[in-house]
Amino acid sequence: MAYVTGLTRGKKEWTPQFVNAIDDELCIGCGRCFKICAHDVLAPKEVDEEESAKMFITVANPENCIGCEACGRTCKKGAFSFEPIAA
């Protein structure tokens, strides 16, 4: 299968990896990924549990993702999964 690729400034081939999902079992809601994303891809979400509320991050606008993976690199819990787009 062929994937959409681009070039880096140094003319090396690069395949963007777009955010696919965030594992809400791993996400602790720290917000680092939300703060680093400049393209309004992510959004905080609060879930009421029995005794307390838990905040985590969701993929709110996947169509805005540019495939840079900055969100995943800032995630200490490894909650992000990424995939390229097929050509």
Protein backbone atom coordinates (compact mmCIF):
# COMPACT_ATOMS: atom_id res chain seq x y z
CA MET A 1 0.00 0.00 0.00
CA ALA A 2 1.34 3.46 -0.87
CA TYR A 3 1.14 6.30 1.64
CA VAL A 4 1.06 10.06 1.23
CA THR A 5 4.63 11.31 1.69
CA GLY A 6 6.41 14.63 1.68
CA LEU A 7 9.91 16.00 1.92
CA THR A 8 11.77 17.53 4.83
CA ARG A 9 13.67 20.75 4.40
CA GLY A 10 16.78 18.63 3.85
CA LYS A 11 14.99 16.82 0.97
CA LYS A 12 14.54 13.55 2.88
CA GLU A 13 11.30 11.67 2.30
CA TRP A 14 8.88 11.85 5.22
CA THR A 15 5.57 10.08 5.83
CA PRO A 16 3.27 12.08 8.14
CA GLN A 17 1.73 10.04 10.95
CA PHE A 18 -1.73 11.36 11.79
CA VAL A 19 -3.31 10.93 15.21
CA ASN A 20 -5.60 7.92 15.11
CA ALA A 21 -6.72 7.57 18.73
CA ILE A 22 -5.93 8.31 22.37
CA ASP A 23 -6.22 5.45 24.85
CA ASP A 24 -8.40 6.86 27.63
CA GLU A 25 -7.15 4.14 29.98
CA LEU A 26 -3.59 5.49 29.63
CA CYS A 27 -4.40 9.21 29.37
CA ILE A 28 -4.10 11.00 32.73
CA GLY A 29 -5.45 14.33 31.48
CA CYS A 30 -2.26 16.31 32.10
CA GLY A 31 -2.95 18.48 29.03
CA ARG A 32 0.60 18.56 27.64
CA CYS A 33 -0.57 17.32 24.25
CA PHE A 34 -3.45 19.81 24.21
CA LYS A 35 -1.05 22.68 24.88
CA ILE A 36 1.48 21.63 22.22
CA CYS A 37 -1.02 21.16 19.37
CA ALA A 38 -1.35 24.39 17.39
CA HIS A 39 -4.02 23.01 15.05
CA ASP A 40 -7.02 22.53 17.37
CA VAL A 41 -6.99 18.75 16.94
CA LEU A 42 -7.38 17.86 20.62
CA ALA A 43 -9.88 18.83 23.32
CA PRO A 44 -10.24 18.11 27.03
CA LYS A 45 -13.16 15.96 28.11
CA GLU A 46 -14.44 15.35 31.61
CA VAL A 47 -16.06 12.08 32.60
CA ASP A 48 -17.98 11.75 35.84
CA GLU A 49 -17.09 8.57 37.63
CA GLU A 50 -18.77 7.27 40.77
CA GLU A 51 -16.87 9.33 43.32
CA SER A 52 -14.92 11.84 41.23
CA ALA A 53 -14.54 13.34 37.78
CA LYS A 54 -11.69 12.39 35.49
CA MET A 55 -10.36 14.61 32.74
CA PHE A 56 -8.72 13.22 29.65
CA ILE A 57 -7.97 14.40 26.14
CA THR A 58 -9.93 13.42 23.02
CA VAL A 59 -9.35 13.75 19.28
CA ALA A 60 -11.96 16.42 18.61
CA ASN A 61 -10.96 17.60 15.11
CA PRO A 62 -8.93 14.86 13.37
CA GLU A 63 -9.26 16.66 10.03
CA ASN A 64 -6.99 19.43 11.38
CA CYS A 65 -4.07 17.07 12.10
CA ILE A 66 -0.94 17.77 10.02
CA GLY A 67 0.84 14.54 11.04
CA CYS A 68 3.68 16.07 13.06
CA GLU A 69 3.24 13.73 16.08
CA ALA A 70 4.14 16.50 18.56
CA CYS A 71 1.23 15.46 20.78
CA GLY A 72 2.48 11.88 21.02
CA ARG A 73 6.06 12.93 21.76
CA THR A 74 4.87 15.01 24.74
CA CYS A 75 2.74 12.17 26.14
CA LYS A 76 4.64 10.48 29.00
CA LYS A 77 2.08 7.65 29.13
CA GLY A 78 2.24 6.63 25.45
CA ALA A 79 -1.52 7.04 25.04
CA PHE A 80 -1.43 8.09 21.36
CA SER A 81 -1.63 5.93 18.27
CA PHE A 82 -0.84 7.23 14.79
CA GLU A 83 -1.24 6.08 11.20
CA PRO A 84 -0.28 7.36 7.77
CA ILE A 85 -2.90 8.17 5.14
CA ALA A 86 -3.05 5.85 2.15
CA ALA A 87 -2.55 7.50 -1.23
